[in-house]
Amino acid sequence: MNLYMYIKLIYRFNAALVGISLLGLYFGSLKRVDDFNLAQVLQPPSMSHWFGTDELGRDFFWVFIQSLIHSLLFALGVMAV
């Protein structure tokens, strides 16, 4: 591979990261993390809860997505400055 192909590959990878980040921001805002269900406390990972649940019955996957959104927004704010 020559230098041009490496630059092209890096550009495509960055465009994919931006696209995935924007999709994460959109889909992550669809469900609230503070919705808890005491009937599903400390469940193991399953098809309905991919990462399992915590002691309040919150889905760990959505907690992860929400924290990812906050991290991405913080990173975008730092890049803007």
Protein backbone atom coordinates (compact mmCIF):
# COMPACT_ATOMS: atom_id res chain seq x y z
CA MET A 1 0.00 0.00 0.00
CA ASN A 2 1.18 3.44 -0.72
CA LEU A 3 0.70 6.59 1.35
CA TYR A 4 -2.40 7.64 -0.58
CA MET A 5 -4.19 4.39 0.27
CA TYR A 6 -3.32 4.76 3.98
CA ILE A 7 -4.71 8.30 4.04
CA LYS A 8 -7.85 7.13 2.25
CA LEU A 9 -8.29 4.29 4.77
CA ILE A 10 -7.86 6.65 7.73
CA TYR A 11 -10.39 9.07 6.22
CA ARG A 12 -12.96 6.31 5.80
CA PHE A 13 -12.40 5.09 9.36
CA ASN A 14 -12.92 8.59 10.77
CA ALA A 15 -16.10 9.04 8.74
CA ALA A 16 -17.39 5.73 10.10
CA LEU A 17 -16.59 6.79 13.67
CA VAL A 18 -18.49 10.04 13.23
CA GLY A 19 -21.45 8.17 11.76
CA ILE A 20 -21.49 5.62 14.58
CA SER A 21 -21.22 8.42 17.14
CA LEU A 22 -24.19 10.26 15.65
CA LEU A 23 -26.26 7.07 15.59
CA GLY A 24 -25.32 6.44 19.22
CA LEU A 25 -26.42 9.95 20.16
CA TYR A 26 -29.76 9.44 18.42
CA PHE A 27 -30.58 5.94 19.69
CA GLY A 28 -29.19 6.55 23.15
CA SER A 29 -31.60 9.38 23.74
CA LEU A 30 -34.64 7.18 23.07
CA LYS A 31 -34.62 5.44 26.46
CA ARG A 32 -34.17 6.97 29.88
CA VAL A 33 -31.62 5.39 32.21
CA ASP A 34 -33.47 6.30 35.39
CA ASP A 35 -36.36 3.96 34.52
CA PHE A 36 -35.98 1.14 37.02
CA ASN A 37 -37.82 -2.12 37.51
CA LEU A 38 -37.44 -3.79 40.90
CA ALA A 39 -38.83 -7.05 39.49
CA GLN A 40 -35.68 -7.46 37.36
CA VAL A 41 -32.96 -6.84 39.94
CA LEU A 42 -29.47 -8.28 39.23
CA GLN A 43 -30.48 -10.29 36.17
CA PRO A 44 -27.71 -11.96 34.15
CA PRO A 45 -27.16 -11.01 30.50
CA SER A 46 -29.97 -12.17 28.23
CA MET A 47 -31.65 -11.23 24.96
CA SER A 48 -33.80 -8.61 26.71
CA HIS A 49 -30.89 -7.17 28.76
CA TRP A 50 -27.64 -7.57 26.82
CA PHE A 51 -25.33 -6.57 29.70
CA GLY A 52 -27.66 -7.63 32.53
CA THR A 53 -29.28 -5.39 35.16
CA ASP A 54 -28.10 -3.68 38.33
CA GLU A 55 -29.54 -3.59 41.85
CA LEU A 56 -32.33 -1.21 40.76
CA GLY A 57 -33.28 -3.26 37.69
CA ARG A 58 -31.76 -0.76 35.22
CA ASP A 59 -30.37 -2.19 32.01
CA PHE A 60 -26.55 -1.94 31.98
CA PHE A 61 -26.51 -1.61 28.19
CA TRP A 62 -28.54 1.61 28.27
CA VAL A 63 -26.45 2.94 31.15
CA PHE A 64 -23.39 2.27 28.98
CA ILE A 65 -24.96 4.04 25.99
CA GLN A 66 -25.91 7.08 28.09
CA SER A 67 -22.39 7.34 29.52
CA LEU A 68 -21.00 7.01 25.99
CA ILE A 69 -23.18 9.92 24.89
CA HIS A 70 -21.91 12.10 27.73
CA SER A 71 -18.31 11.18 26.89
CA LEU A 72 -18.80 11.97 23.21
CA LEU A 73 -20.43 15.31 23.95
CA PHE A 74 -17.60 16.19 26.31
CA ALA A 75 -15.03 15.22 23.67
CA LEU A 76 -16.83 17.30 21.04
CA GLY A 77 -16.84 20.25 23.44
CA VAL A 78 -13.13 19.90 24.06
CA MET A 79 -12.43 19.68 20.33
CA ALA A 80 -14.52 22.80 19.71
CA VAL A 81 -12.37 24.84 22.11
